[in-house]
C-alpha atoms as a PDB file:
ATOM      1  CA  PHE A   1       4.439  15.576   5.097  1.00  0.00           C
ATOM      2  CA  LEU A   2       0.734  14.690   3.292  1.00  0.00           C
ATOM      3  CA  ILE A   3       1.400  11.176   4.201  1.00  0.00           C
ATOM      4  CA  LYS A   4       2.320  11.649   7.747  1.00  0.00           C
ATOM      5  CA  VAL A   5      -1.237  13.868   8.119  1.00  0.00           C
ATOM      6  CA  ARG A   6      -3.053  11.417   5.834  1.00  0.00           C
ATOM      7  CA  THR A   7      -2.096   8.243   7.535  1.00  0.00           C
ATOM      8  CA  MET A   8      -2.837  10.641  10.866  1.00  0.00           C
ATOM      9  CA  GLY A   9      -6.439  10.157   9.723  1.00  0.00           C
ATOM     10  CA  LEU A  10      -6.503  14.135   9.676  1.00  0.00           C
ATOM     11  CA  LEU A  11      -6.799  14.135   5.566  1.00  0.00           C
ATOM     12  CA  SER A  12      -9.877  12.576   3.392  1.00  0.00           C
ATOM     13  CA  ASN A  13      -8.791  11.480   0.024  1.00  0.00           C
ATOM     14  CA  GLU A  14     -10.576  14.331  -1.155  1.00  0.00           C
ATOM     15  CA  ALA A  15      -8.916  17.047   1.074  1.00  0.00           C
ATOM     16  CA  GLN A  16      -5.600  15.823  -0.209  1.00  0.00           C
ATOM     17  CA  GLU A  17      -6.566  15.957  -3.635  1.00  0.00           C
ATOM     18  CA  GLU A  18      -7.355  19.360  -3.507  1.00  0.00           C
ATOM     19  CA  ILE A  19      -4.458  20.406  -1.766  1.00  0.00           C
ATOM     20  CA  ILE A  20      -2.117  18.672  -4.433  1.00  0.00           C
ATOM     21  CA  ASP A  21      -3.989  20.256  -7.156  1.00  0.00           C
ATOM     22  CA  ARG A  22      -4.215  23.889  -5.778  1.00  0.00           C
ATOM     23  CA  ALA A  23      -0.025  23.559  -4.988  1.00  0.00           C
ATOM     24  CA  LEU A  24       0.168  22.420  -8.671  1.00  0.00           C
ATOM     25  CA  ARG A  25      -1.694  25.066 -10.309  1.00  0.00           C
ATOM     26  CA  SER A  26       0.025  27.843  -7.593  1.00  0.00           C
ATOM     27  CA  THR A  27       3.171  28.126  -9.316  1.00  0.00           C
ATOM     28  CA  ASP A  28       5.384  26.811 -11.619  1.00  0.00           C
ATOM     29  CA  ASP A  29       8.273  26.948  -9.662  1.00  0.00           C
ATOM     30  CA  PRO A  30       8.888  23.955  -6.946  1.00  0.00           C
ATOM     31  CA  ILE A  31       6.759  24.336  -4.022  1.00  0.00           C
ATOM     32  CA  ASN A  32       8.073  23.486  -0.479  1.00  0.00           C
ATOM     33  CA  GLU A  33       7.115  21.916   2.263  1.00  0.00           C
ATOM     34  CA  GLN A  34       5.802  25.057   4.601  1.00  0.00           C
ATOM     35  CA  GLU A  35       4.007  26.007   1.592  1.00  0.00           C
ATOM     36  CA  ILE A  36       2.054  22.958   1.359  1.00  0.00           C
ATOM     37  CA  LYS A  37       1.548  23.083   5.010  1.00  0.00           C
ATOM     38  CA  ILE A  38      -0.641  26.262   4.190  1.00  0.00           C
ATOM     39  CA  ILE A  39      -2.086  24.788   1.848  1.00  0.00           C
ATOM     40  CA  THR A  40      -3.276  21.964   3.760  1.00  0.00           C
ATOM     41  CA  SER A  41      -4.085  24.195   6.720  1.00  0.00           C
ATOM     42  CA  LEU A  42      -6.498  26.482   4.453  1.00  0.00           C
ATOM     43  CA  ILE A  43      -8.195  23.511   2.948  1.00  0.00           C
ATOM     44  CA  LEU A  44      -8.470  21.947   6.380  1.00  0.00           C
ATOM     45  CA  LEU A  45      -9.897  25.233   8.140  1.00  0.00           C
ATOM     46  CA  SER A  46     -11.972  25.953   5.241  1.00  0.00           C
ATOM     47  CA  GLY A  47     -14.114  22.892   5.579  1.00  0.00           C
ATOM     48  CA  SER A  48     -14.189  22.424   9.324  1.00  0.00           C
ATOM     49  CA  SER A  49     -13.676  25.596  10.957  1.00  0.00           C
ATOM     50  CA  ASN A  50     -12.023  25.408  14.460  1.00  0.00           C
ATOM     51  CA  LEU A  51     -12.287  21.603  14.615  1.00  0.00           C
ATOM     52  CA  TRP A  52      -8.933  21.261  13.077  1.00  0.00           C
ATOM     53  CA  LEU A  53      -7.234  24.382  14.720  1.00  0.00           C
ATOM     54  CA  ARG A  54      -5.141  22.763  17.566  1.00  0.00           C
ATOM     55  CA  GLU A  55      -3.746  19.674  14.862  1.00  0.00           C
ATOM     56  CA  ILE A  56      -2.659  22.731  12.440  1.00  0.00           C
ATOM     57  CA  ASN A  57      -0.764  24.388  15.083  1.00  0.00           C
ATOM     58  CA  TYR A  58       0.972  21.098  15.992  1.00  0.00           C
ATOM     59  CA  PHE A  59       2.261  20.175  12.453  1.00  0.00           C
ATOM     60  CA  MET A  60       3.233  24.231  11.365  1.00  0.00           C
ATOM     61  CA  GLU A  61       5.187  23.826  14.408  1.00  0.00           C
ATOM     62  CA  ASN A  62       6.422  20.097  13.376  1.00  0.00           C
ATOM     63  CA  ASP A  63       5.187  18.685  16.624  1.00  0.00           C
ATOM     64  CA  TRP A  64       3.732  15.770  15.780  1.00  0.00           C
ATOM     65  CA  LYS A  65       3.643  14.121  19.500  1.00  0.00           C
ATOM     66  CA  ARG A  66       1.204  16.245  20.132  1.00  0.00           C
ATOM     67  CA  ILE A  67      -1.057  15.114  17.534  1.00  0.00           C
ATOM     68  CA  TYR A  68      -1.200  11.981  18.880  1.00  0.00           C
ATOM     69  CA  HIS A  69      -2.256  13.089  22.801  1.00  0.00           C
END
């Protein structure tokens, strides 16, 4: 998921590092893709407010085609 979002230009190096860091600190148990999506959404929204809202909705729904258009 993070690789896909990164290659689409939706995620900076710093944001990706912050997502990974938060995921590692969040639990000792394995983390699933939905939890990564939630953390990613929170990171993007905290930095850009409504700028990423549409893209976040699309990747939460696995609607990758709509992100490109």
